[in-house]
Amino acid sequence: MLHYERMGNKGGDTIVMIHGFLGGSDMFHKAIKELEGEYDIISVDLPGHGKSKMESDAYTVYDYAKAIAEVLKHEKVANATWLGHSMGGYITLAALEKGIADIDKAILAYSSAAPDSTETQKKRDQQKSDIELNGVKAYIDNGINAFFGDNPYSEDVEFASRVGYEATAEGLQAALDAMKSRPDQTTFIHEVSIPILVIEGSQDSIVAPIETENIAVQKITTDTGHLGMLEDSKAFAKAVKQFLG
């Protein structure tokens, strides 16, 4: 089973936090501090990230979603809001599409419904090679700044790097393959009926904005890069509270 932490207000609505690539459950630590007084929070480490071990050589976004559903079953959580950051958003959409878990509402933070382009798929393969050749630490050190907006706090960059260092090379490579093979969810996002909040970063250079006229989908923008829950945890938490409230 995935490593996870459950914290906060057991009497509140449950939020399942799913980190993105180069992440781990700790990446939400600032936002959790803002939310734990009101909500029951379960934050997971995906395979090969944080304290979760790889139990398979390869994963799809559906496999990740099923692993998270196992955690919720173990914790006897029947309904929850899934909050997915970046790759975690892809996993959340996969769970919704296949009905893998009972999801009341969903939050897609700095994520996308579109599949990888051919160019991005080639980039994923190059990233896998870079990790194999140079190791996890060098890969993160060379790329982590792109996840932030303008003039990030050095302590936030250092913290995000430390979280990333906890991943294994195999975990990151499996995640790259899962993102590369994920389905096109653009039609699904137009048709989904449960309430969804899309949080975008005005300075996010990692993913393109989700475009939809679906009235079930709300959008809000933080003045951040790709790691808004770390860069401006108060604005991030405020958006979550307004949506769930």
Protein backbone atom coordinates (compact mmCIF):
# COMPACT_ATOMS: atom_id res chain seq x y z
CA MET A 1 0.00 0.00 0.00
CA LEU A 2 1.06 3.58 -0.58
CA HIS A 3 2.57 5.52 2.28
CA TYR A 4 0.20 8.25 3.41
CA GLU A 5 -0.56 10.57 6.29
CA ARG A 6 -3.98 11.40 7.65
CA MET A 7 -4.29 14.59 9.63
CA GLY A 8 -6.58 17.48 10.43
CA ASN A 9 -10.22 17.53 11.50
CA LYS A 10 -11.71 14.03 11.34
CA GLY A 11 -15.16 15.61 11.53
CA GLY A 12 -14.61 17.68 8.40
CA ASP A 13 -14.94 16.81 4.74
CA THR A 14 -12.13 14.60 3.48
CA ILE A 15 -9.57 15.95 1.00
CA VAL A 16 -7.21 13.50 -0.70
CA MET A 17 -4.03 15.29 -1.78
CA ILE A 18 -2.11 13.81 -4.70
CA HIS A 19 1.24 15.31 -5.58
CA GLY A 20 2.79 15.80 -9.00
CA PHE A 21 6.03 14.86 -10.72
CA LEU A 22 9.11 15.54 -8.58
CA GLY A 23 6.75 15.84 -5.64
CA GLY A 24 5.69 13.99 -2.53
CA SER A 25 3.08 14.38 0.15
CA ASP A 26 5.30 16.91 1.93
CA MET A 27 4.90 19.32 -0.99
CA PHE A 28 1.49 20.23 0.44
CA HIS A 29 2.77 20.91 3.95
CA LYS A 30 2.16 24.69 3.89
CA ALA A 31 -1.34 24.32 2.43
CA ILE A 32 -2.19 21.57 4.91
CA LYS A 33 -1.39 23.91 7.80
CA GLU A 34 -3.94 26.33 6.35
CA LEU A 35 -6.59 23.64 5.88
CA GLU A 36 -6.21 21.08 8.66
CA GLY A 37 -8.37 22.99 11.13
CA GLU A 38 -11.45 22.46 8.96
CA TYR A 39 -10.76 19.37 6.86
CA ASP A 40 -9.84 15.71 7.20
CA ILE A 41 -6.75 15.43 4.99
CA ILE A 42 -5.15 12.34 3.49
CA SER A 43 -1.91 13.03 1.65
CA VAL A 44 -0.26 10.20 -0.29
CA ASP A 45 3.18 9.42 -1.66
CA LEU A 46 2.96 7.89 -5.13
CA PRO A 47 5.10 4.80 -5.90
CA GLY A 48 8.81 5.59 -5.88
CA HIS A 49 8.17 9.01 -4.30
CA GLY A 50 8.52 10.03 -0.68
CA LYS A 51 8.21 6.93 1.50
CA SER A 52 6.23 4.78 -0.97
CA LYS A 53 8.00 1.85 -2.58
CA MET A 54 7.63 0.69 -6.16
CA GLU A 55 5.42 -2.40 -6.25
CA SER A 56 5.47 -2.68 -10.04
CA ASP A 57 7.90 -1.91 -12.84
CA ALA A 58 5.39 0.30 -14.65
CA TYR A 59 2.30 2.34 -13.84
CA THR A 60 -0.47 4.14 -15.68
CA VAL A 61 -2.50 7.03 -14.27
CA TYR A 62 -5.25 4.45 -13.70
CA ASP A 63 -2.88 2.27 -11.65
CA TYR A 64 -1.99 5.26 -9.49
CA ALA A 65 -5.69 6.02 -9.00
CA LYS A 66 -6.42 2.43 -7.95
CA ALA A 67 -3.56 2.56 -5.42
CA ILE A 68 -5.06 5.71 -3.90
CA ALA A 69 -8.50 4.07 -3.80
CA GLU A 70 -6.93 1.23 -1.78
CA VAL A 71 -5.76 3.75 0.80
CA LEU A 72 -9.27 5.21 1.08
CA LYS A 73 -10.77 1.74 1.45
CA HIS A 74 -8.25 0.97 4.20
CA GLU A 75 -9.20 4.20 5.96
CA LYS A 76 -12.92 3.49 5.45
CA VAL A 77 -13.43 6.75 3.55
CA ALA A 78 -16.49 6.46 1.33
CA ASN A 79 -16.54 9.91 -0.27
CA ALA A 80 -13.87 12.55 -0.68
CA THR A 81 -12.66 15.51 -2.65
CA TRP A 82 -9.57 14.62 -4.68
CA LEU A 83 -7.04 17.42 -5.01
CA GLY A 84 -4.43 16.61 -7.62
CA HIS A 85 -1.40 18.74 -8.38
CA SER A 86 -0.10 18.52 -11.96
CA MET A 87 0.33 14.75 -12.52
CA GLY A 88 -1.98 14.30 -9.54
CA GLY A 89 -4.62 16.08 -11.61
CA TYR A 90 -4.16 13.57 -14.43
CA ILE A 91 -4.67 10.81 -11.86
CA THR A 92 -7.79 12.50 -10.51
CA LEU A 93 -9.31 12.72 -13.99
CA ALA A 94 -8.44 9.06 -14.57
CA ALA A 95 -10.24 8.10 -11.36
CA LEU A 96 -13.29 10.13 -12.35
CA GLU A 97 -13.38 8.73 -15.86
CA LYS A 98 -13.32 5.08 -14.74
CA GLY A 99 -15.28 5.52 -11.50
CA ILE A 100 -12.33 4.16 -9.54
CA ALA A 101 -13.43 5.93 -6.34
CA ASP A 102 -16.39 7.91 -5.04
CA ILE A 103 -15.31 11.49 -5.65
CA ASP A 104 -17.65 14.23 -4.46
CA LYS A 105 -15.66 17.11 -5.93
CA ALA A 106 -12.29 17.48 -7.63
CA ILE A 107 -9.58 20.12 -7.62
CA LEU A 108 -7.09 20.20 -10.49
CA ALA A 109 -4.16 22.33 -9.36
CA TYR A 110 -1.75 23.51 -12.04
CA SER A 111 -2.76 20.58 -14.21
CA SER A 112 -4.15 19.81 -17.66
CA ALA A 113 -6.74 17.68 -19.41
CA ALA A 114 -4.74 17.44 -22.64
CA PRO A 115 -2.42 14.54 -23.49
CA ASP A 116 1.28 14.91 -24.16
CA SER A 117 2.16 16.28 -27.57
CA THR A 118 4.61 14.33 -29.70
CA GLU A 119 7.28 16.85 -28.77
CA THR A 120 6.57 16.46 -25.06
CA GLN A 121 6.64 12.66 -25.35
CA LYS A 122 10.13 12.90 -26.82
CA LYS A 123 11.09 15.20 -23.96
CA ARG A 124 9.87 12.61 -21.46
CA ASP A 125 12.17 10.02 -23.02
CA GLN A 126 15.10 12.44 -22.80
CA GLN A 127 14.26 13.14 -19.16
CA LYS A 128 14.31 9.42 -18.41
CA SER A 129 17.76 9.19 -19.98
CA ASP A 130 18.98 12.20 -18.01
CA ILE A 131 17.85 10.63 -14.75
CA GLU A 132 19.51 7.35 -15.68
CA LEU A 133 22.76 9.06 -16.61
CA ASN A 134 23.08 11.78 -13.98
CA GLY A 135 20.89 10.67 -11.09
CA VAL A 136 17.90 12.14 -9.31
CA LYS A 137 19.65 14.97 -7.48
CA ALA A 138 21.36 16.42 -10.54
CA TYR A 139 18.13 16.16 -12.53
CA ILE A 140 16.17 18.06 -9.89
CA ASP A 141 18.87 20.66 -9.35
CA ASN A 142 18.89 21.39 -13.08
CA GLY A 143 15.13 21.71 -13.45
CA ILE A 144 13.39 22.68 -10.23
CA ASN A 145 13.55 26.45 -10.81
CA ALA A 146 11.27 26.12 -13.84
CA PHE A 147 8.49 25.04 -11.48
CA PHE A 148 8.46 28.40 -9.76
CA GLY A 149 7.28 31.84 -10.79
CA ASP A 150 9.35 35.01 -10.76
CA ASN A 151 11.66 35.64 -7.80
CA PRO A 152 10.83 32.60 -5.67
CA TYR A 153 11.90 32.39 -2.05
CA SER A 154 15.15 30.45 -1.81
CA GLU A 155 13.79 28.42 1.11
CA ASP A 156 10.84 27.27 -1.04
CA VAL A 157 13.17 26.18 -3.83
CA GLU A 158 15.38 24.34 -1.36
CA PHE A 159 12.37 22.68 0.24
CA ALA A 160 10.93 21.54 -3.10
CA SER A 161 14.34 20.16 -4.02
CA ARG A 162 14.55 18.16 -0.79
CA VAL A 163 11.10 16.70 -1.40
CA GLY A 164 12.17 15.74 -4.91
CA TYR A 165 15.38 14.11 -3.71
CA GLU A 166 13.29 11.53 -1.84
CA ALA A 167 12.09 10.01 -5.13
CA THR A 168 13.91 7.11 -6.70
CA ALA A 169 15.11 7.10 -10.29
CA GLU A 170 12.70 4.24 -11.00
CA GLY A 171 9.81 6.16 -9.48
CA LEU A 172 10.47 9.25 -11.58
CA GLN A 173 10.95 7.23 -14.75
CA ALA A 174 7.68 5.36 -14.14
CA ALA A 175 5.92 8.68 -13.59
CA LEU A 176 7.29 10.03 -16.86
CA ASP A 177 5.96 6.98 -18.69
CA ALA A 178 2.56 7.33 -16.99
CA MET A 179 2.29 10.96 -18.06
CA LYS A 180 3.47 10.13 -21.56
CA SER A 181 0.79 7.45 -22.00
CA ARG A 182 -2.10 9.26 -20.32
CA PRO A 183 -5.31 9.68 -22.31
CA ASP A 184 -6.77 12.81 -23.82
CA GLN A 185 -9.26 14.07 -21.22
CA THR A 186 -10.30 17.28 -22.99
CA THR A 187 -13.67 15.86 -24.07
CA PHE A 188 -14.22 14.43 -20.60
CA ILE A 189 -13.59 17.79 -18.90
CA HIS A 190 -16.23 19.34 -21.15
CA GLU A 191 -18.80 16.72 -20.13
CA VAL A 192 -18.05 15.97 -16.47
CA SER A 193 -20.93 16.80 -14.13
CA ILE A 194 -19.36 16.83 -10.64
CA PRO A 195 -18.05 20.18 -9.37
CA ILE A 196 -14.42 20.78 -10.37
CA LEU A 197 -12.11 23.61 -9.40
CA VAL A 198 -9.19 24.39 -11.69
CA ILE A 199 -6.40 26.36 -10.01
CA GLU A 200 -3.98 27.96 -12.46
CA GLY A 201 -0.78 29.90 -11.95
CA SER A 202 -0.38 33.19 -13.79
CA GLN A 203 3.36 32.44 -14.04
CA ASP A 204 3.08 28.70 -14.66
CA SER A 205 5.28 27.70 -17.60
CA ILE A 206 4.87 23.94 -17.09
CA VAL A 207 1.27 23.29 -18.21
CA ALA A 208 -1.16 25.01 -20.55
CA PRO A 209 -4.46 26.28 -19.05
CA ILE A 210 -7.56 24.09 -19.16
CA GLU A 211 -10.11 25.61 -21.52
CA THR A 212 -13.77 24.66 -21.11
CA GLU A 213 -17.22 26.24 -20.97
CA ASN A 214 -18.57 23.46 -18.74
CA ILE A 215 -20.52 25.18 -15.96
CA ALA A 216 -19.46 22.46 -13.52
CA VAL A 217 -15.87 23.67 -13.82
CA GLN A 218 -14.77 26.75 -11.89
CA LYS A 219 -11.43 28.43 -12.42
CA ILE A 220 -9.24 30.59 -10.24
CA THR A 221 -5.74 31.95 -10.79
CA THR A 222 -2.99 32.41 -8.24
CA ASP A 223 -0.11 34.80 -8.86
CA THR A 224 2.38 31.92 -8.81
CA GLY A 225 4.21 29.41 -10.91
CA HIS A 226 3.55 25.67 -10.98
CA LEU A 227 3.91 25.14 -7.23
CA GLY A 228 1.29 27.58 -5.99
CA MET A 229 0.49 25.51 -2.90
CA LEU A 230 4.07 26.17 -1.80
CA GLU A 231 4.66 29.64 -3.26
CA ASP A 232 1.43 31.16 -1.88
CA SER A 233 -0.19 28.65 0.42
CA LYS A 234 -2.68 31.18 1.81
CA ALA A 235 -4.11 32.03 -1.62
CA PHE A 236 -4.15 28.35 -2.52
CA ALA A 237 -5.97 27.37 0.68
CA LYS A 238 -8.43 30.24 0.30
CA ALA A 239 -9.37 28.97 -3.18
CA VAL A 240 -9.90 25.47 -1.80
CA LYS A 241 -12.04 26.70 1.09
CA GLN A 242 -14.21 28.87 -1.13
CA PHE A 243 -14.80 25.98 -3.50
CA LEU A 244 -15.61 23.45 -0.81
CA GLY A 245 -17.58 25.92 1.29
